[in-house]
């Protein structure tokens, strides 16, 4: 599955110190998944420093990553 990172996503990843590797892992091996606003796909993955939430849409055989966020631990 191909990942497409928008400019917004790249800016947010740099600002939040979330790596592309973490983003890929969240999508390929999520701890949980869900649906968000406007039917966007949500992927959650726990790391030592916290939980990453990836917001994306699926287009054909690609995921377009809209944003990547640190989610508070529950």
PDB file of N, CA and C in Angstrom:
ATOM      1  N   UNK A   1       0.840  -1.177   0.000  1.00  0.00           N
ATOM      2  CA  UNK A   1       0.000   0.000   0.000  1.00  0.00           C
ATOM      3  C   UNK A   1       0.890   1.246   0.000  1.00  0.00           C
ATOM      4  N   UNK A   2       0.641   2.129  -0.911  1.00  0.00           N
ATOM      5  CA  UNK A   2       1.416   3.362  -1.033  1.00  0.00           C
ATOM      6  C   UNK A   2       0.855   4.429  -0.090  1.00  0.00           C
ATOM      7  N   UNK A   3       1.750   5.197   0.544  1.00  0.00           N
ATOM      8  CA  UNK A   3       1.353   6.300   1.405  1.00  0.00           C
ATOM      9  C   UNK A   3       1.700   7.611   0.726  1.00  0.00           C
ATOM     10  N   UNK A   4       0.741   8.525   0.710  1.00  0.00           N
ATOM     11  CA  UNK A   4       0.962   9.856   0.149  1.00  0.00           C
ATOM     12  C   UNK A   4       0.864  10.852   1.300  1.00  0.00           C
ATOM     13  N   UNK A   5       1.954  11.567   1.543  1.00  0.00           N
ATOM     14  CA  UNK A   5       1.996  12.545   2.625  1.00  0.00           C
ATOM     15  C   UNK A   5       1.755  13.933   2.049  1.00  0.00           C
ATOM     16  N   UNK A   6       0.723  14.615   2.524  1.00  0.00           N
ATOM     17  CA  UNK A   6       0.458  15.977   2.079  1.00  0.00           C
ATOM     18  C   UNK A   6       1.483  16.917   2.710  1.00  0.00           C
ATOM     19  N   UNK A   7       1.580  18.118   2.180  1.00  0.00           N
ATOM     20  CA  UNK A   7       2.486  19.116   2.760  1.00  0.00           C
ATOM     21  C   UNK A   7       2.092  19.395   4.210  1.00  0.00           C
ATOM     22  N   UNK A   8       0.786  19.480   4.461  1.00  0.00           N
ATOM     23  CA  UNK A   8       0.292  19.699   5.824  1.00  0.00           C
ATOM     24  C   UNK A   8       0.779  18.591   6.756  1.00  0.00           C
ATOM     25  N   UNK A   9       0.688  17.378   6.294  1.00  0.00           N
ATOM     26  CA  UNK A   9       1.122  16.234   7.097  1.00  0.00           C
ATOM     27  C   UNK A   9       2.615  16.321   7.407  1.00  0.00           C
ATOM     28  N   UNK A  10       3.420  16.628   6.407  1.00  0.00           N
ATOM     29  CA  UNK A  10       4.866  16.735   6.610  1.00  0.00           C
ATOM     30  C   UNK A  10       5.200  17.823   7.630  1.00  0.00           C
ATOM     31  N   UNK A  11       4.493  18.950   7.563  1.00  0.00           N
ATOM     32  CA  UNK A  11       4.704  20.043   8.524  1.00  0.00           C
ATOM     33  C   UNK A  11       4.349  19.590   9.936  1.00  0.00           C
ATOM     34  N   UNK A  12       3.222  18.928  10.069  1.00  0.00           N
ATOM     35  CA  UNK A  12       2.765  18.472  11.388  1.00  0.00           C
ATOM     36  C   UNK A  12       3.682  17.402  11.962  1.00  0.00           C
ATOM     37  N   UNK A  13       4.160  16.500  11.103  1.00  0.00           N
ATOM     38  CA  UNK A  13       5.074  15.454  11.570  1.00  0.00           C
ATOM     39  C   UNK A  13       6.363  16.086  12.109  1.00  0.00           C
ATOM     40  N   UNK A  14       6.896  17.065  11.403  1.00  0.00           N
ATOM     41  CA  UNK A  14       8.119  17.739  11.847  1.00  0.00           C
ATOM     42  C   UNK A  14       7.869  18.487  13.158  1.00  0.00           C
ATOM     43  N   UNK A  15       6.766  19.202  13.234  1.00  0.00           N
ATOM     44  CA  UNK A  15       6.414  19.969  14.427  1.00  0.00           C
ATOM     45  C   UNK A  15       6.221  19.059  15.640  1.00  0.00           C
ATOM     46  N   UNK A  16       5.603  17.917  15.427  1.00  0.00           N
ATOM     47  CA  UNK A  16       5.257  17.004  16.524  1.00  0.00           C
ATOM     48  C   UNK A  16       6.290  15.899  16.736  1.00  0.00           C
ATOM     49  N   UNK A  17       7.346  15.923  15.935  1.00  0.00           N
ATOM     50  CA  UNK A  17       8.420  14.915  16.036  1.00  0.00           C
ATOM     51  C   UNK A  17       7.891  13.485  15.900  1.00  0.00           C
ATOM     52  N   UNK A  18       7.066  13.304  14.878  1.00  0.00           N
ATOM     53  CA  UNK A  18       6.536  11.982  14.533  1.00  0.00           C
ATOM     54  C   UNK A  18       7.195  11.578  13.223  1.00  0.00           C
ATOM     55  N   UNK A  19       7.837  10.428  13.211  1.00  0.00           N
ATOM     56  CA  UNK A  19       8.581  10.000  12.022  1.00  0.00           C
ATOM     57  C   UNK A  19       7.677   9.340  10.986  1.00  0.00           C
ATOM     58  N   UNK A  20       8.196   9.269   9.765  1.00  0.00           N
ATOM     59  CA  UNK A  20       7.468   8.579   8.702  1.00  0.00           C
ATOM     60  C   UNK A  20       7.364   7.092   9.031  1.00  0.00           C
ATOM     61  N   UNK A  21       8.397   6.551   9.663  1.00  0.00           N
ATOM     62  CA  UNK A  21       8.379   5.143  10.067  1.00  0.00           C
ATOM     63  C   UNK A  21       7.239   4.882  11.055  1.00  0.00           C
ATOM     64  N   UNK A  22       7.052   5.783  12.014  1.00  0.00           N
ATOM     65  CA  UNK A  22       5.959   5.636  12.983  1.00  0.00           C
ATOM     66  C   UNK A  22       4.603   5.702  12.278  1.00  0.00           C
ATOM     67  N   UNK A  23       4.497   6.595  11.316  1.00  0.00           N
ATOM     68  CA  UNK A  23       3.246   6.750  10.568  1.00  0.00           C
ATOM     69  C   UNK A  23       2.935   5.480   9.777  1.00  0.00           C
ATOM     70  N   UNK A  24       3.945   4.947   9.101  1.00  0.00           N
ATOM     71  CA  UNK A  24       3.752   3.708   8.335  1.00  0.00           C
ATOM     72  C   UNK A  24       3.367   2.545   9.244  1.00  0.00           C
ATOM     73  N   UNK A  25       4.021   2.470  10.393  1.00  0.00           N
ATOM     74  CA  UNK A  25       3.726   1.389  11.334  1.00  0.00           C
ATOM     75  C   UNK A  25       2.306   1.495  11.885  1.00  0.00           C
ATOM     76  N   UNK A  26       1.854   2.717  12.124  1.00  0.00           N
ATOM     77  CA  UNK A  26       0.493   2.920  12.630  1.00  0.00           C
ATOM     78  C   UNK A  26      -0.544   2.404  11.629  1.00  0.00           C
ATOM     79  N   UNK A  27      -0.259   2.548  10.352  1.00  0.00           N
ATOM     80  CA  UNK A  27      -1.201   2.088   9.324  1.00  0.00           C
ATOM     81  C   UNK A  27      -1.063   0.588   9.070  1.00  0.00           C
ATOM     82  N   UNK A  28       0.156   0.100   9.027  1.00  0.00           N
ATOM     83  CA  UNK A  28       0.348  -1.319   8.704  1.00  0.00           C
ATOM     84  C   UNK A  28       0.088  -2.251   9.884  1.00  0.00           C
ATOM     85  N   UNK A  29       0.328  -1.767  11.116  1.00  0.00           N
ATOM     86  CA  UNK A  29       0.134  -2.591  12.316  1.00  0.00           C
ATOM     87  C   UNK A  29      -0.573  -1.796  13.416  1.00  0.00           C
ATOM     88  N   UNK A  30      -1.785  -1.320  13.164  1.00  0.00           N
ATOM     89  CA  UNK A  30      -2.456  -0.471  14.163  1.00  0.00           C
ATOM     90  C   UNK A  30      -2.881  -1.259  15.400  1.00  0.00           C
ATOM     91  N   UNK A  31      -2.910  -0.557  16.533  1.00  0.00           N
ATOM     92  CA  UNK A  31      -3.478  -1.138  17.755  1.00  0.00           C
ATOM     93  C   UNK A  31      -4.998  -1.081  17.680  1.00  0.00           C
ATOM     94  N   UNK A  32      -5.502  -0.037  17.024  1.00  0.00           N
ATOM     95  CA  UNK A  32      -6.946   0.078  16.797  1.00  0.00           C
ATOM     96  C   UNK A  32      -7.194   0.982  15.597  1.00  0.00           C
ATOM     97  N   UNK A  33      -8.422   0.887  15.071  1.00  0.00           N
ATOM     98  CA  UNK A  33      -8.835   1.679  13.905  1.00  0.00           C
ATOM     99  C   UNK A  33     -10.205   2.268  14.190  1.00  0.00           C
ATOM    100  N   UNK A  34     -10.548   3.292  13.425  1.00  0.00           N
ATOM    101  CA  UNK A  34     -11.865   3.885  13.567  1.00  0.00           C
ATOM    102  C   UNK A  34     -12.201   4.747  12.369  1.00  0.00           C
ATOM    103  N   UNK A  35     -13.357   5.377  12.454  1.00  0.00           N
ATOM    104  CA  UNK A  35     -13.801   6.304  11.413  1.00  0.00           C
ATOM    105  C   UNK A  35     -13.947   7.671  12.056  1.00  0.00           C
ATOM    106  N   UNK A  36     -13.495   8.685  11.336  1.00  0.00           N
ATOM    107  CA  UNK A  36     -13.563  10.043  11.846  1.00  0.00           C
ATOM    108  C   UNK A  36     -14.498  10.906  11.020  1.00  0.00           C
ATOM    109  N   UNK A  37     -14.340  12.188  11.204  1.00  0.00           N
ATOM    110  CA  UNK A  37     -15.107  13.208  10.500  1.00  0.00           C
ATOM    111  C   UNK A  37     -15.004  13.001   8.991  1.00  0.00           C
ATOM    112  N   UNK A  38     -16.121  13.105   8.301  1.00  0.00           N
ATOM    113  CA  UNK A  38     -16.222  12.931   6.845  1.00  0.00           C
ATOM    114  C   UNK A  38     -15.676  11.578   6.382  1.00  0.00           C
ATOM    115  N   UNK A  39     -15.944  10.536   7.169  1.00  0.00           N
ATOM    116  CA  UNK A  39     -15.540   9.162   6.838  1.00  0.00           C
ATOM    117  C   UNK A  39     -14.039   8.987   6.644  1.00  0.00           C
ATOM    118  N   UNK A  40     -13.256   9.776   7.351  1.00  0.00           N
ATOM    119  CA  UNK A  40     -11.809   9.607   7.284  1.00  0.00           C
ATOM    120  C   UNK A  40     -11.401   8.431   8.154  1.00  0.00           C
ATOM    121  N   UNK A  41     -10.416   7.694   7.687  1.00  0.00           N
ATOM    122  CA  UNK A  41      -9.918   6.544   8.433  1.00  0.00           C
ATOM    123  C   UNK A  41      -8.976   7.008   9.536  1.00  0.00           C
ATOM    124  N   UNK A  42      -9.080   6.402  10.693  1.00  0.00           N
ATOM    125  CA  UNK A  42      -8.220   6.708  11.826  1.00  0.00           C
ATOM    126  C   UNK A  42      -7.464   5.449  12.216  1.00  0.00           C
ATOM    127  N   UNK A  43      -6.154   5.585  12.385  1.00  0.00           N
ATOM    128  CA  UNK A  43      -5.311   4.486  12.836  1.00  0.00           C
ATOM    129  C   UNK A  43      -4.580   4.933  14.093  1.00  0.00           C
ATOM    130  N   UNK A  44      -4.556   4.077  15.109  1.00  0.00           N
ATOM    131  CA  UNK A  44      -3.903   4.388  16.375  1.00  0.00           C
ATOM    132  C   UNK A  44      -2.814   3.371  16.652  1.00  0.00           C
ATOM    133  N   UNK A  45      -1.657   3.868  17.101  1.00  0.00           N
ATOM    134  CA  UNK A  45      -0.538   2.984  17.413  1.00  0.00           C
ATOM    135  C   UNK A  45       0.204   3.525  18.634  1.00  0.00           C
ATOM    136  N   UNK A  46       0.428   2.639  19.617  1.00  0.00           N
ATOM    137  CA  UNK A  46       1.159   3.012  20.829  1.00  0.00           C
ATOM    138  C   UNK A  46       2.661   2.877  20.623  1.00  0.00           C
ATOM    139  N   UNK A  47       3.380   3.881  21.069  1.00  0.00           N
ATOM    140  CA  UNK A  47       4.839   3.873  21.101  1.00  0.00           C
ATOM    141  C   UNK A  47       5.256   4.244  22.517  1.00  0.00           C
ATOM    142  N   UNK A  48       6.527   4.109  22.826  1.00  0.00           N
ATOM    143  CA  UNK A  48       7.003   4.422  24.176  1.00  0.00           C
ATOM    144  C   UNK A  48       6.662   5.850  24.598  1.00  0.00           C
ATOM    145  N   UNK A  49       6.680   6.769  23.662  1.00  0.00           N
ATOM    146  CA  UNK A  49       6.450   8.184  23.980  1.00  0.00           C
ATOM    147  C   UNK A  49       4.987   8.601  23.923  1.00  0.00           C
ATOM    148  N   UNK A  50       4.107   7.727  23.456  1.00  0.00           N
ATOM    149  CA  UNK A  50       2.682   8.043  23.396  1.00  0.00           C
ATOM    150  C   UNK A  50       1.975   7.304  22.270  1.00  0.00           C
ATOM    151  N   UNK A  51       0.749   7.725  22.027  1.00  0.00           N
ATOM    152  CA  UNK A  51      -0.091   7.101  20.998  1.00  0.00           C
ATOM    153  C   UNK A  51      -0.193   8.038  19.797  1.00  0.00           C
ATOM    154  N   UNK A  52       0.127   7.503  18.628  1.00  0.00           N
ATOM    155  CA  UNK A  52       0.028   8.269  17.394  1.00  0.00           C
ATOM    156  C   UNK A  52      -1.326   7.976  16.746  1.00  0.00           C
ATOM    157  N   UNK A  53      -1.986   9.050  16.304  1.00  0.00           N
ATOM    158  CA  UNK A  53      -3.233   8.919  15.540  1.00  0.00           C
ATOM    159  C   UNK A  53      -2.961   9.420  14.128  1.00  0.00           C
ATOM    160  N   UNK A  54      -3.245   8.570  13.136  1.00  0.00           N
ATOM    161  CA  UNK A  54      -3.076   8.926  11.734  1.00  0.00           C
ATOM    162  C   UNK A  54      -4.461   9.094  11.122  1.00  0.00           C
ATOM    163  N   UNK A  55      -4.678  10.246  10.490  1.00  0.00           N
ATOM    164  CA  UNK A  55      -5.952  10.549   9.838  1.00  0.00           C
ATOM    165  C   UNK A  55      -5.703  10.498   8.333  1.00  0.00           C
ATOM    166  N   UNK A  56      -6.480   9.667   7.623  1.00  0.00           N
ATOM    167  CA  UNK A  56      -6.240   9.526   6.190  1.00  0.00           C
ATOM    168  C   UNK A  56      -7.505   9.139   5.439  1.00  0.00           C
ATOM    169  N   UNK A  57      -7.381   9.159   4.123  1.00  0.00           N
ATOM    170  CA  UNK A  57      -8.441   8.668   3.243  1.00  0.00           C
ATOM    171  C   UNK A  57      -7.804   7.645   2.305  1.00  0.00           C
ATOM    172  N   UNK A  58      -8.593   6.694   1.864  1.00  0.00           N
ATOM    173  CA  UNK A  58      -8.097   5.670   0.947  1.00  0.00           C
ATOM    174  C   UNK A  58      -8.516   6.036  -0.462  1.00  0.00           C
ATOM    175  N   UNK A  59      -7.550   6.026  -1.366  1.00  0.00           N
ATOM    176  CA  UNK A  59      -7.805   6.279  -2.783  1.00  0.00           C
ATOM    177  C   UNK A  59      -7.167   5.153  -3.580  1.00  0.00           C
ATOM    178  N   UNK A  60      -7.963   4.343  -4.204  1.00  0.00           N
ATOM    179  CA  UNK A  60      -7.495   3.186  -4.979  1.00  0.00           C
ATOM    180  C   UNK A  60      -6.571   2.337  -4.128  1.00  0.00           C
ATOM    181  N   UNK A  61      -5.288   2.255  -4.485  1.00  0.00           N
ATOM    182  CA  UNK A  61      -4.357   1.427  -3.714  1.00  0.00           C
ATOM    183  C   UNK A  61      -3.380   2.285  -2.902  1.00  0.00           C
ATOM    184  N   UNK A  62      -3.842   3.473  -2.486  1.00  0.00           N
ATOM    185  CA  UNK A  62      -3.018   4.389  -1.698  1.00  0.00           C
ATOM    186  C   UNK A  62      -3.791   4.934  -0.508  1.00  0.00           C
ATOM    187  N   UNK A  63      -3.046   5.333   0.521  1.00  0.00           N
ATOM    188  CA  UNK A  63      -3.604   6.090   1.631  1.00  0.00           C
ATOM    189  C   UNK A  63      -3.052   7.505   1.533  1.00  0.00           C
ATOM    190  N   UNK A  64      -3.944   8.496   1.509  1.00  0.00           N
ATOM    191  CA  UNK A  64      -3.532   9.893   1.533  1.00  0.00           C
ATOM    192  C   UNK A  64      -3.597  10.325   2.993  1.00  0.00           C
ATOM    193  N   UNK A  65      -2.426  10.601   3.567  1.00  0.00           N
ATOM    194  CA  UNK A  65      -2.349  10.973   4.977  1.00  0.00           C
ATOM    195  C   UNK A  65      -2.688  12.448   5.097  1.00  0.00           C
ATOM    196  N   UNK A  66      -3.705  12.753   5.882  1.00  0.00           N
ATOM    197  CA  UNK A  66      -4.160  14.127   6.060  1.00  0.00           C
ATOM    198  C   UNK A  66      -3.472  14.782   7.239  1.00  0.00           C
ATOM    199  N   UNK A  67      -3.322  14.048   8.328  1.00  0.00           N
ATOM    200  CA  UNK A  67      -2.637  14.584   9.495  1.00  0.00           C
ATOM    201  C   UNK A  67      -2.176  13.452  10.398  1.00  0.00           C
ATOM    202  N   UNK A  68      -1.192  13.762  11.234  1.00  0.00           N
ATOM    203  CA  UNK A  68      -0.663  12.824  12.210  1.00  0.00           C
ATOM    204  C   UNK A  68      -0.582  13.573  13.544  1.00  0.00           C
ATOM    205  N   UNK A  69      -1.146  12.979  14.583  1.00  0.00           N
ATOM    206  CA  UNK A  69      -1.335  13.669  15.859  1.00  0.00           C
ATOM    207  C   UNK A  69      -0.914  12.775  17.012  1.00  0.00           C
ATOM    208  N   UNK A  70      -0.369  13.372  18.070  1.00  0.00           N
ATOM    209  CA  UNK A  70      -0.183  12.635  19.326  1.00  0.00           C
ATOM    210  C   UNK A  70      -1.516  12.614  20.042  1.00  0.00           C
ATOM    211  N   UNK A  71      -1.980  11.432  20.345  1.00  0.00           N
ATOM    212  CA  UNK A  71      -3.232  11.231  21.073  1.00  0.00           C
ATOM    213  C   UNK A  71      -2.879  10.960  22.524  1.00  0.00           C
ATOM    214  N   UNK A  72      -3.633  11.534  23.436  1.00  0.00           N
ATOM    215  CA  UNK A  72      -3.333  11.302  24.855  1.00  0.00           C
ATOM    216  C   UNK A  72      -3.586   9.840  25.207  1.00  0.00           C
ATOM    217  N   UNK A  73      -2.755   9.296  26.096  1.00  0.00           N
ATOM    218  CA  UNK A  73      -2.937   7.912  26.529  1.00  0.00           C
ATOM    219  C   UNK A  73      -4.197   7.790  27.350  1.00  0.00           C
ATOM    220  N   UNK A  74      -4.892   6.665  27.173  1.00  0.00           N
ATOM    221  CA  UNK A  74      -6.156   6.454  27.885  1.00  0.00           C
ATOM    222  C   UNK A  74      -5.960   5.531  29.039  1.00  0.00           C
TER     223      UNK A  74
END
